[in-house]
Amino acid sequence: IPQPLQRLREPFDDPDWLFELKYDGFRALAYIEDDCCRLISRNGNSFG
């Protein structure tokens, strides 16, 4: 299950963490094994 998003009252900063800009899109898990990949939504549906 993808990690849920959390809202914090204060900005979070830690040298042990990497941060990136948030773009809107589709949350997915990518299962890669050998030369195959399945993209699965957070609700368990395949992204065809």
All heavy atoms as atom14 arrays in JSON, in Angstrom:
{
  "sequence": "IPQPLQRLREPFDDPDWLFELKYDGFRALAYIEDDCCRLISRNGNSFG",
  "atom14_mask": [
    [1, 1, 1, 1, 1, 1, 1, 1, 0, 0, 0, 0, 0, 0],
    [1, 1, 1, 1, 1, 1, 1, 0, 0, 0, 0, 0, 0, 0],
    [1, 1, 1, 1, 1, 1, 1, 1, 1, 0, 0, 0, 0, 0],
    [1, 1, 1, 1, 1, 1, 1, 0, 0, 0, 0, 0, 0, 0],
    [1, 1, 1, 1, 1, 1, 1, 1, 0, 0, 0, 0, 0, 0],
    [1, 1, 1, 1, 1, 1, 1, 1, 1, 0, 0, 0, 0, 0],
    [1, 1, 1, 1, 1, 1, 1, 1, 1, 1, 1, 0, 0, 0],
    [1, 1, 1, 1, 1, 1, 1, 1, 0, 0, 0, 0, 0, 0],
    [1, 1, 1, 1, 1, 1, 1, 1, 1, 1, 1, 0, 0, 0],
    [1, 1, 1, 1, 1, 1, 1, 1, 1, 0, 0, 0, 0, 0],
    [1, 1, 1, 1, 1, 1, 1, 0, 0, 0, 0, 0, 0, 0],
    [1, 1, 1, 1, 1, 1, 1, 1, 1, 1, 1, 0, 0, 0],
    [1, 1, 1, 1, 1, 1, 1, 1, 0, 0, 0, 0, 0, 0],
    [1, 1, 1, 1, 1, 1, 1, 1, 0, 0, 0, 0, 0, 0],
    [1, 1, 1, 1, 1, 1, 1, 0, 0, 0, 0, 0, 0, 0],
    [1, 1, 1, 1, 1, 1, 1, 1, 0, 0, 0, 0, 0, 0],
    [1, 1, 1, 1, 1, 1, 1, 1, 1, 1, 1, 1, 1, 1],
    [1, 1, 1, 1, 1, 1, 1, 1, 0, 0, 0, 0, 0, 0],
    [1, 1, 1, 1, 1, 1, 1, 1, 1, 1, 1, 0, 0, 0],
    [1, 1, 1, 1, 1, 1, 1, 1, 1, 0, 0, 0, 0, 0],
    [1, 1, 1, 1, 1, 1, 1, 1, 0, 0, 0, 0, 0, 0],
    [1, 1, 1, 1, 1, 1, 1, 1, 1, 0, 0, 0, 0, 0],
    [1, 1, 1, 1, 1, 1, 1, 1, 1, 1, 1, 1, 0, 0],
    [1, 1, 1, 1, 1, 1, 1, 1, 0, 0, 0, 0, 0, 0],
    [1, 1, 1, 1, 0, 0, 0, 0, 0, 0, 0, 0, 0, 0],
    [1, 1, 1, 1, 1, 1, 1, 1, 1, 1, 1, 0, 0, 0],
    [1, 1, 1, 1, 1, 1, 1, 1, 1, 1, 1, 0, 0, 0],
    [1, 1, 1, 1, 1, 0, 0, 0, 0, 0, 0, 0, 0, 0],
    [1, 1, 1, 1, 1, 1, 1, 1, 0, 0, 0, 0, 0, 0],
    [1, 1, 1, 1, 1, 0, 0, 0, 0, 0, 0, 0, 0, 0],
    [1, 1, 1, 1, 1, 1, 1, 1, 1, 1, 1, 1, 0, 0],
    [1, 1, 1, 1, 1, 1, 1, 1, 0, 0, 0, 0, 0, 0],
    [1, 1, 1, 1, 1, 1, 1, 1, 1, 0, 0, 0, 0, 0],
    [1, 1, 1, 1, 1, 1, 1, 1, 0, 0, 0, 0, 0, 0],
    [1, 1, 1, 1, 1, 1, 1, 1, 0, 0, 0, 0, 0, 0],
    [1, 1, 1, 1, 1, 1, 0, 0, 0, 0, 0, 0, 0, 0],
    [1, 1, 1, 1, 1, 1, 0, 0, 0, 0, 0, 0, 0, 0],
    [1, 1, 1, 1, 1, 1, 1, 1, 1, 1, 1, 0, 0, 0],
    [1, 1, 1, 1, 1, 1, 1, 1, 0, 0, 0, 0, 0, 0],
    [1, 1, 1, 1, 1, 1, 1, 1, 0, 0, 0, 0, 0, 0],
    [1, 1, 1, 1, 1, 1, 0, 0, 0, 0, 0, 0, 0, 0],
    [1, 1, 1, 1, 1, 1, 1, 1, 1, 1, 1, 0, 0, 0],
    [1, 1, 1, 1, 1, 1, 1, 1, 0, 0, 0, 0, 0, 0],
    [1, 1, 1, 1, 0, 0, 0, 0, 0, 0, 0, 0, 0, 0],
    [1, 1, 1, 1, 1, 1, 1, 1, 0, 0, 0, 0, 0, 0],
    [1, 1, 1, 1, 1, 1, 0, 0, 0, 0, 0, 0, 0, 0],
    [1, 1, 1, 1, 1, 1, 1, 1, 1, 1, 1, 0, 0, 0],
    [1, 1, 1, 1, 0, 0, 0, 0, 0, 0, 0, 0, 0, 0]
  ],
  "atom14_positions": [
    [[0.85, -1.17, 0.0], [0.0, 0.0, 0.0], [0.89, 1.23, 0.0], [1.76, 1.36, 0.86], [-0.91, -0.01, 1.24], [-1.8, -1.26, 1.22], [-1.75, 1.25, 1.3], [-2.57, -1.48, 2.48], [0.0, 0.0, 0.0], [0.0, 0.0, 0.0], [0.0, 0.0, 0.0], [0.0, 0.0, 0.0], [0.0, 0.0, 0.0], [0.0, 0.0, 0.0]],
    [[0.69, 2.14, -0.97], [1.51, 3.36, -0.98], [1.36, 4.12, 0.33], [0.29, 4.1, 0.95], [0.94, 4.18, -2.14], [0.25, 3.19, -3.0], [-0.26, 2.12, -2.07], [0.0, 0.0, 0.0], [0.0, 0.0, 0.0], [0.0, 0.0, 0.0], [0.0, 0.0, 0.0], [0.0, 0.0, 0.0], [0.0, 0.0, 0.0], [0.0, 0.0, 0.0]],
    [[2.41, 4.78, 0.74], [2.37, 5.56, 1.97], [1.39, 6.72, 1.82], [1.41, 7.41, 0.8], [3.76, 6.1, 2.3], [4.75, 5.02, 2.66], [4.35, 4.33, 3.95], [4.1, 4.97, 4.95], [4.28, 3.02, 3.9], [0.0, 0.0, 0.0], [0.0, 0.0, 0.0], [0.0, 0.0, 0.0], [0.0, 0.0, 0.0], [0.0, 0.0, 0.0]],
    [[0.53, 6.93, 2.81], [-0.42, 8.05, 2.72], [0.3, 9.39, 2.88], [1.33, 9.48, 3.53], [-1.38, 7.81, 3.89], [-0.6, 6.99, 4.85], [0.36, 6.16, 4.04], [0.0, 0.0, 0.0], [0.0, 0.0, 0.0], [0.0, 0.0, 0.0], [0.0, 0.0, 0.0], [0.0, 0.0, 0.0], [0.0, 0.0, 0.0], [0.0, 0.0, 0.0]],
    [[-0.28, 10.4, 2.27], [0.26, 11.75, 2.42], [-0.13, 12.3, 3.79], [-1.18, 11.96, 4.33], [-0.28, 12.66, 1.32], [0.04, 12.24, -0.11], [-0.65, 13.17, -1.08], [1.53, 12.24, -0.32], [0.0, 0.0, 0.0], [0.0, 0.0, 0.0], [0.0, 0.0, 0.0], [0.0, 0.0, 0.0], [0.0, 0.0, 0.0], [0.0, 0.0, 0.0]],
    [[0.72, 13.14, 4.33], [0.43, 13.76, 5.61], [0.63, 15.26, 5.5], [1.51, 15.73, 4.81], [1.36, 13.23, 6.7], [1.19, 11.77, 6.98], [2.16, 11.31, 8.05], [2.98, 12.07, 8.54], [2.08, 10.04, 8.39], [0.0, 0.0, 0.0], [0.0, 0.0, 0.0], [0.0, 0.0, 0.0], [0.0, 0.0, 0.0], [0.0, 0.0, 0.0]],
    [[-0.18, 16.0, 6.21], [-0.02, 17.45, 6.28], [0.54, 17.8, 7.64], [0.08, 17.31, 8.67], [-1.35, 18.16, 6.08], [-1.88, 17.97, 4.68], [-3.2, 18.7, 4.53], [-3.78, 18.38, 3.26], [-3.81, 19.21, 2.24], [-3.28, 20.41, 2.34], [-4.36, 18.85, 1.11], [0.0, 0.0, 0.0], [0.0, 0.0, 0.0], [0.0, 0.0, 0.0]],
    [[1.56, 18.63, 7.65], [2.18, 19.07, 8.88], [1.96, 20.56, 9.06], [1.86, 21.31, 8.09], [3.69, 18.77, 8.86], [4.08, 17.3, 8.67], [5.59, 17.19, 8.55], [3.58, 16.46, 9.83], [0.0, 0.0, 0.0], [0.0, 0.0, 0.0], [0.0, 0.0, 0.0], [0.0, 0.0, 0.0], [0.0, 0.0, 0.0], [0.0, 0.0, 0.0]],
    [[1.92, 21.0, 10.3], [1.73, 22.43, 10.58], [2.99, 23.23, 10.28], [2.94, 24.38, 9.89], [1.32, 22.63, 12.03], [-0.06, 22.13, 12.31], [-0.4, 22.31, 13.8], [-1.67, 21.7, 14.08], [-2.73, 22.37, 14.47], [-2.67, 23.68, 14.63], [-3.86, 21.75, 14.7], [0.0, 0.0, 0.0], [0.0, 0.0, 0.0], [0.0, 0.0, 0.0]],
    [[4.14, 22.63, 10.5], [5.43, 23.3, 10.3], [6.18, 22.64, 9.14], [6.05, 21.44, 8.93], [6.28, 23.19, 11.57], [5.67, 23.87, 12.79], [5.63, 25.37, 12.66], [6.56, 25.94, 12.08], [4.64, 25.96, 13.13], [0.0, 0.0, 0.0], [0.0, 0.0, 0.0], [0.0, 0.0, 0.0], [0.0, 0.0, 0.0], [0.0, 0.0, 0.0]],
    [[7.0, 23.4, 8.42], [7.83, 22.78, 7.37], [8.77, 21.75, 7.97], [9.28, 21.91, 9.08], [8.63, 23.96, 6.8], [7.87, 25.18, 7.19], [7.17, 24.84, 8.48], [0.0, 0.0, 0.0], [0.0, 0.0, 0.0], [0.0, 0.0, 0.0], [0.0, 0.0, 0.0], [0.0, 0.0, 0.0], [0.0, 0.0, 0.0], [0.0, 0.0, 0.0]],
    [[8.99, 20.67, 7.23], [9.85, 19.59, 7.68], [11.18, 19.68, 6.93], [11.2, 19.87, 5.73], [9.16, 18.25, 7.39], [10.02, 17.05, 7.65], [10.29, 16.64, 8.94], [10.55, 16.34, 6.6], [11.07, 15.53, 9.17], [11.34, 15.23, 6.82], [11.59, 14.82, 8.12], [0.0, 0.0, 0.0], [0.0, 0.0, 0.0], [0.0, 0.0, 0.0]],
    [[12.27, 19.56, 7.66], [13.58, 19.58, 7.04], [14.49, 18.65, 7.83], [14.46, 18.64, 9.06], [14.16, 21.0, 7.02], [15.38, 21.11, 6.12], [15.59, 20.22, 5.28], [16.13, 22.08, 6.28], [0.0, 0.0, 0.0], [0.0, 0.0, 0.0], [0.0, 0.0, 0.0], [0.0, 0.0, 0.0], [0.0, 0.0, 0.0], [0.0, 0.0, 0.0]],
    [[15.27, 17.85, 7.13], [16.17, 16.9, 7.78], [17.26, 16.55, 6.77], [16.95, 16.24, 5.62], [15.4, 15.65, 8.19], [16.24, 14.72, 9.05], [17.31, 14.29, 8.58], [15.81, 14.41, 10.17], [0.0, 0.0, 0.0], [0.0, 0.0, 0.0], [0.0, 0.0, 0.0], [0.0, 0.0, 0.0], [0.0, 0.0, 0.0], [0.0, 0.0, 0.0]],
    [[18.54, 16.59, 7.16], [19.61, 16.28, 6.21], [19.6, 14.83, 5.73], [20.2, 14.51, 4.72], [20.9, 16.6, 6.99], [20.49, 16.57, 8.42], [19.05, 16.96, 8.47], [0.0, 0.0, 0.0], [0.0, 0.0, 0.0], [0.0, 0.0, 0.0], [0.0, 0.0, 0.0], [0.0, 0.0, 0.0], [0.0, 0.0, 0.0], [0.0, 0.0, 0.0]],
    [[18.9, 13.95, 6.44], [18.83, 12.55, 6.04], [17.73, 12.27, 5.01], [17.55, 11.14, 4.58], [18.59, 11.65, 7.26], [19.79, 11.64, 8.2], [20.92, 11.88, 7.72], [19.59, 11.41, 9.4], [0.0, 0.0, 0.0], [0.0, 0.0, 0.0], [0.0, 0.0, 0.0], [0.0, 0.0, 0.0], [0.0, 0.0, 0.0], [0.0, 0.0, 0.0]],
    [[16.96, 13.29, 4.65], [15.85, 13.13, 3.72], [16.12, 13.91, 2.43], [16.74, 14.96, 2.46], [14.55, 13.66, 4.35], [13.99, 12.75, 5.4], [14.51, 12.54, 6.64], [12.84, 11.94, 5.29], [13.73, 11.65, 7.33], [12.69, 11.27, 6.52], [11.9, 11.73, 4.3], [11.65, 10.39, 6.77], [10.86, 10.86, 4.55], [10.75, 10.2, 5.77]],
    [[15.62, 13.38, 1.31], [15.66, 14.08, 0.04], [14.26, 14.61, -0.25], [13.26, 13.94, 0.05], [16.07, 13.14, -1.09], [17.46, 12.55, -1.0], [17.68, 11.55, -2.12], [18.5, 13.65, -1.08], [0.0, 0.0, 0.0], [0.0, 0.0, 0.0], [0.0, 0.0, 0.0], [0.0, 0.0, 0.0], [0.0, 0.0, 0.0], [0.0, 0.0, 0.0]],
    [[14.16, 15.79, -0.82], [12.87, 16.39, -1.12], [12.8, 16.72, -2.6], [13.82, 16.95, -3.25], [12.68, 17.68, -0.29], [12.64, 17.41, 1.19], [13.8, 17.47, 1.95], [11.45, 17.09, 1.81], [13.77, 17.21, 3.31], [11.4, 16.84, 3.17], [12.56, 16.89, 3.92], [0.0, 0.0, 0.0], [0.0, 0.0, 0.0], [0.0, 0.0, 0.0]],
    [[11.58, 16.73, -3.11], [11.37, 17.06, -4.52], [10.09, 17.87, -4.65], [9.24, 17.87, -3.76], [11.28, 15.8, -5.36], [10.12, 14.92, -4.97], [10.13, 13.59, -5.71], [11.17, 13.18, -6.22], [9.06, 12.97, -5.76], [0.0, 0.0, 0.0], [0.0, 0.0, 0.0], [0.0, 0.0, 0.0], [0.0, 0.0, 0.0], [0.0, 0.0, 0.0]],
    [[9.94, 18.56, -5.78], [8.71, 19.28, -6.06], [7.57, 18.3, -6.25], [7.77, 17.2, -6.76], [8.87, 20.12, -7.32], [9.84, 21.29, -7.25], [9.94, 21.96, -8.62], [9.39, 22.3, -6.21], [0.0, 0.0, 0.0], [0.0, 0.0, 0.0], [0.0, 0.0, 0.0], [0.0, 0.0, 0.0], [0.0, 0.0, 0.0], [0.0, 0.0, 0.0]],
    [[6.38, 18.69, -5.88], [5.2, 17.84, -6.04], [4.47, 18.23, -7.32], [4.06, 19.36, -7.49], [4.29, 18.0, -4.82], [2.9, 17.42, -4.98], [2.95, 15.92, -5.06], [1.56, 15.32, -5.0], [0.98, 15.04, -6.28], [0.0, 0.0, 0.0], [0.0, 0.0, 0.0], [0.0, 0.0, 0.0], [0.0, 0.0, 0.0], [0.0, 0.0, 0.0]],
    [[4.37, 17.3, -8.26], [3.61, 17.49, -9.48], [2.34, 16.65, -9.39], [2.35, 15.56, -8.82], [4.41, 17.05, -10.71], [5.63, 17.89, -10.96], [6.9, 17.46, -10.57], [5.53, 19.12, -11.6], [8.01, 18.23, -10.81], [6.65, 19.9, -11.84], [7.89, 19.44, -11.43], [8.99, 20.21, -11.66], [0.0, 0.0, 0.0], [0.0, 0.0, 0.0]],
    [[1.25, 17.13, -9.96], [0.02, 16.35, -9.97], [0.1, 15.26, -11.02], [0.56, 15.5, -12.14], [-1.18, 17.24, -10.24], [-1.57, 18.07, -9.04], [-1.26, 17.63, -7.91], [-2.18, 19.13, -9.2], [0.0, 0.0, 0.0], [0.0, 0.0, 0.0], [0.0, 0.0, 0.0], [0.0, 0.0, 0.0], [0.0, 0.0, 0.0], [0.0, 0.0, 0.0]],
    [[-0.35, 14.1, -10.66], [-0.34, 12.98, -11.58], [-1.12, 11.83, -11.0], [-2.11, 12.03, -10.3], [0.0, 0.0, 0.0], [0.0, 0.0, 0.0], [0.0, 0.0, 0.0], [0.0, 0.0, 0.0], [0.0, 0.0, 0.0], [0.0, 0.0, 0.0], [0.0, 0.0, 0.0], [0.0, 0.0, 0.0], [0.0, 0.0, 0.0], [0.0, 0.0, 0.0]],
    [[-0.67, 10.62, -11.26], [-1.32, 9.41, -10.78], [-0.36, 8.66, -9.86], [0.74, 8.31, -10.28], [-1.71, 8.5, -11.95], [-2.67, 9.15, -12.9], [-2.21, 9.75, -14.05], [-4.03, 9.15, -12.63], [-3.08, 10.34, -14.94], [-4.92, 9.75, -13.51], [-4.44, 10.35, -14.66], [0.0, 0.0, 0.0], [0.0, 0.0, 0.0], [0.0, 0.0, 0.0]],
    [[-0.77, 8.41, -8.63], [0.05, 7.66, -7.68], [0.09, 6.21, -8.13], [-0.94, 5.63, -8.49], [-0.58, 7.77, -6.29], [0.23, 7.14, -5.17], [1.45, 8.01, -4.88], [2.26, 7.46, -3.82], [2.08, 7.73, -2.53], [1.1, 8.52, -2.15], [2.88, 7.21, -1.64], [0.0, 0.0, 0.0], [0.0, 0.0, 0.0], [0.0, 0.0, 0.0]],
    [[1.26, 5.59, -8.15], [1.38, 4.22, -8.64], [2.52, 3.49, -7.96], [3.48, 4.09, -7.5], [1.62, 4.22, -10.15], [0.0, 0.0, 0.0], [0.0, 0.0, 0.0], [0.0, 0.0, 0.0], [0.0, 0.0, 0.0], [0.0, 0.0, 0.0], [0.0, 0.0, 0.0], [0.0, 0.0, 0.0], [0.0, 0.0, 0.0], [0.0, 0.0, 0.0]],
    [[2.37, 2.18, -7.9], [3.46, 1.28, -7.54], [3.9, 0.61, -8.84], [3.07, 0.15, -9.62], [2.99, 0.21, -6.55], [2.62, 0.7, -5.17], [1.97, -0.42, -4.37], [3.84, 1.21, -4.43], [0.0, 0.0, 0.0], [0.0, 0.0, 0.0], [0.0, 0.0, 0.0], [0.0, 0.0, 0.0], [0.0, 0.0, 0.0], [0.0, 0.0, 0.0]],
    [[5.21, 0.6, -9.08], [5.76, -0.06, -10.26], [6.46, -1.32, -9.8], [7.44, -1.26, -9.06], [6.73, 0.85, -10.99], [0.0, 0.0, 0.0], [0.0, 0.0, 0.0], [0.0, 0.0, 0.0], [0.0, 0.0, 0.0], [0.0, 0.0, 0.0], [0.0, 0.0, 0.0], [0.0, 0.0, 0.0], [0.0, 0.0, 0.0], [0.0, 0.0, 0.0]],
    [[5.92, -2.47, -10.18], [6.54, -3.76, -9.87], [7.4, -4.14, -11.07], [6.88, -4.41, -12.15], [5.48, -4.84, -9.66], [4.64, -4.65, -8.43], [3.45, -3.93, -8.47], [5.02, -5.2, -7.21], [2.66, -3.78, -7.33], [4.25, -5.04, -6.07], [3.08, -4.34, -6.15], [2.3, -4.18, -5.03], [0.0, 0.0, 0.0], [0.0, 0.0, 0.0]],
    [[8.71, -4.16, -10.88], [9.63, -4.5, -11.96], [10.33, -5.8, -11.61], [10.89, -5.95, -10.52], [10.68, -3.39, -12.17], [9.99, -2.08, -12.54], [11.68, -3.8, -13.25], [10.92, -0.89, -12.57], [0.0, 0.0, 0.0], [0.0, 0.0, 0.0], [0.0, 0.0, 0.0], [0.0, 0.0, 0.0], [0.0, 0.0, 0.0], [0.0, 0.0, 0.0]],
    [[10.25, -6.75, -12.54], [10.93, -8.03, -12.36], [11.47, -8.46, -13.71], [10.71, -8.62, -14.67], [9.97, -9.07, -11.81], [10.65, -10.36, -11.48], [9.75, -11.34, -10.75], [8.68, -10.93, -10.27], [10.12, -12.51, -10.68], [0.0, 0.0, 0.0], [0.0, 0.0, 0.0], [0.0, 0.0, 0.0], [0.0, 0.0, 0.0], [0.0, 0.0, 0.0]],
    [[12.81, -8.62, -13.78], [13.5, -8.92, -15.03], [13.13, -7.85, -16.07], [13.41, -6.71, -15.88], [13.2, -10.34, -15.5], [13.7, -11.37, -14.48], [14.77, -11.14, -13.9], [13.01, -12.38, -14.27], [0.0, 0.0, 0.0], [0.0, 0.0, 0.0], [0.0, 0.0, 0.0], [0.0, 0.0, 0.0], [0.0, 0.0, 0.0], [0.0, 0.0, 0.0]],
    [[12.48, -8.22, -17.14], [12.16, -7.24, -18.18], [10.69, -6.87, -18.2], [10.2, -6.33, -19.19], [12.57, -7.8, -19.55], [14.07, -7.94, -19.66], [14.79, -7.11, -19.07], [14.53, -8.88, -20.33], [0.0, 0.0, 0.0], [0.0, 0.0, 0.0], [0.0, 0.0, 0.0], [0.0, 0.0, 0.0], [0.0, 0.0, 0.0], [0.0, 0.0, 0.0]],
    [[9.96, -7.16, -17.13], [8.53, -6.87, -17.07], [8.24, -5.81, -16.0], [8.92, -5.75, -14.99], [7.74, -8.13, -16.74], [7.86, -9.39, -18.01], [0.0, 0.0, 0.0], [0.0, 0.0, 0.0], [0.0, 0.0, 0.0], [0.0, 0.0, 0.0], [0.0, 0.0, 0.0], [0.0, 0.0, 0.0], [0.0, 0.0, 0.0], [0.0, 0.0, 0.0]],
    [[7.21, -5.01, -16.26], [6.8, -3.98, -15.3], [5.28, -3.89, -15.28], [4.65, -3.87, -16.34], [7.39, -2.63, -15.7], [6.83, -1.27, -14.65], [0.0, 0.0, 0.0], [0.0, 0.0, 0.0], [0.0, 0.0, 0.0], [0.0, 0.0, 0.0], [0.0, 0.0, 0.0], [0.0, 0.0, 0.0], [0.0, 0.0, 0.0], [0.0, 0.0, 0.0]],
    [[4.72, -3.87, -14.08], [3.29, -3.63, -13.92], [3.14, -2.36, -13.1], [3.78, -2.19, -12.07], [2.62, -4.78, -13.17], [2.47, -6.02, -14.01], [1.72, -7.11, -13.28], [0.35, -6.68, -12.98], [-0.31, -7.06, -11.89], [0.24, -7.85, -11.01], [-1.54, -6.64, -11.68], [0.0, 0.0, 0.0], [0.0, 0.0, 0.0], [0.0, 0.0, 0.0]],
    [[2.26, -1.47, -13.55], [1.96, -0.23, -12.84], [0.6, -0.4, -12.19], [-0.4, -0.63, -12.88], [1.96, 0.94, -13.81], [3.29, 1.19, -14.53], [3.11, 2.23, -15.62], [4.34, 1.63, -13.53], [0.0, 0.0, 0.0], [0.0, 0.0, 0.0], [0.0, 0.0, 0.0], [0.0, 0.0, 0.0], [0.0, 0.0, 0.0], [0.0, 0.0, 0.0]],
    [[0.55, -0.28, -10.86], [-0.66, -0.52, -10.09], [-1.05, 0.74, -9.34], [-0.2, 1.38, -8.71], [-0.44, -1.68, -9.09], [0.1, -2.93, -9.8], [-1.71, -1.99, -8.32], [-0.84, -3.52, -10.83], [0.0, 0.0, 0.0], [0.0, 0.0, 0.0], [0.0, 0.0, 0.0], [0.0, 0.0, 0.0], [0.0, 0.0, 0.0], [0.0, 0.0, 0.0]],
    [[-2.34, 1.09, -9.38], [-2.82, 2.28, -8.68], [-2.89, 2.04, -7.18], [-2.79, 0.9, -6.72], [-4.22, 2.66, -9.18], [-5.19, 1.78, -8.65], [0.0, 0.0, 0.0], [0.0, 0.0, 0.0], [0.0, 0.0, 0.0], [0.0, 0.0, 0.0], [0.0, 0.0, 0.0], [0.0, 0.0, 0.0], [0.0, 0.0, 0.0], [0.0, 0.0, 0.0]],
    [[-3.09, 3.1, -6.41], [-3.18, 2.94, -4.96], [-4.41, 2.16, -4.55], [-4.49, 1.66, -3.44], [-3.15, 4.3, -4.28], [-4.3, 5.17, -4.62], [-4.19, 6.49, -3.92], [-5.18, 7.4, -4.45], [-5.29, 8.64, -4.11], [-4.45, 9.15, -3.25], [-6.22, 9.4, -4.62], [0.0, 0.0, 0.0], [0.0, 0.0, 0.0], [0.0, 0.0, 0.0]],
    [[-5.36, 2.0, -5.48], [-6.55, 1.18, -5.22], [-6.41, -0.24, -5.73], [-7.35, -1.01, -5.69], [-7.79, 1.84, -5.86], [-8.08, 3.18, -5.24], [-7.95, 3.35, -4.03], [-8.46, 4.15, -6.05], [0.0, 0.0, 0.0], [0.0, 0.0, 0.0], [0.0, 0.0, 0.0], [0.0, 0.0, 0.0], [0.0, 0.0, 0.0], [0.0, 0.0, 0.0]],
    [[-5.22, -0.58, -6.25], [-4.96, -1.94, -6.71], [-5.33, -2.22, -8.15], [-5.32, -3.37, -8.58], [0.0, 0.0, 0.0], [0.0, 0.0, 0.0], [0.0, 0.0, 0.0], [0.0, 0.0, 0.0], [0.0, 0.0, 0.0], [0.0, 0.0, 0.0], [0.0, 0.0, 0.0], [0.0, 0.0, 0.0], [0.0, 0.0, 0.0], [0.0, 0.0, 0.0]],
    [[-5.64, -1.18, -8.92], [-5.99, -1.35, -10.34], [-4.75, -1.22, -11.22], [-3.86, -0.44, -10.92], [-7.03, -0.31, -10.76], [-8.3, -0.42, -9.95], [-8.82, -1.51, -9.76], [-8.79, 0.7, -9.47], [0.0, 0.0, 0.0], [0.0, 0.0, 0.0], [0.0, 0.0, 0.0], [0.0, 0.0, 0.0], [0.0, 0.0, 0.0], [0.0, 0.0, 0.0]],
    [[-4.72, -1.96, -12.32], [-3.61, -1.86, -13.27], [-3.78, -0.61, -14.13], [-4.88, -0.28, -14.54], [-3.57, -3.08, -14.19], [-3.2, -4.22, -13.46], [0.0, 0.0, 0.0], [0.0, 0.0, 0.0], [0.0, 0.0, 0.0], [0.0, 0.0, 0.0], [0.0, 0.0, 0.0], [0.0, 0.0, 0.0], [0.0, 0.0, 0.0], [0.0, 0.0, 0.0]],
    [[-2.67, 0.08, -14.38], [-2.65, 1.22, -15.29], [-2.31, 0.7, -16.68], [-1.15, 0.48, -17.01], [-1.6, 2.25, -14.87], [-2.03, 3.17, -13.77], [-1.37, 3.17, -12.56], [-3.08, 4.05, -13.95], [-1.75, 4.03, -11.54], [-3.48, 4.92, -12.94], [-2.8, 4.91, -11.73], [0.0, 0.0, 0.0], [0.0, 0.0, 0.0], [0.0, 0.0, 0.0]],
    [[-3.31, 0.51, -17.52], [-3.09, 0.05, -18.88], [-2.75, 1.18, -19.84], [-2.27, 0.94, -20.94], [0.0, 0.0, 0.0], [0.0, 0.0, 0.0], [0.0, 0.0, 0.0], [0.0, 0.0, 0.0], [0.0, 0.0, 0.0], [0.0, 0.0, 0.0], [0.0, 0.0, 0.0], [0.0, 0.0, 0.0], [0.0, 0.0, 0.0], [0.0, 0.0, 0.0]]
  ]
}
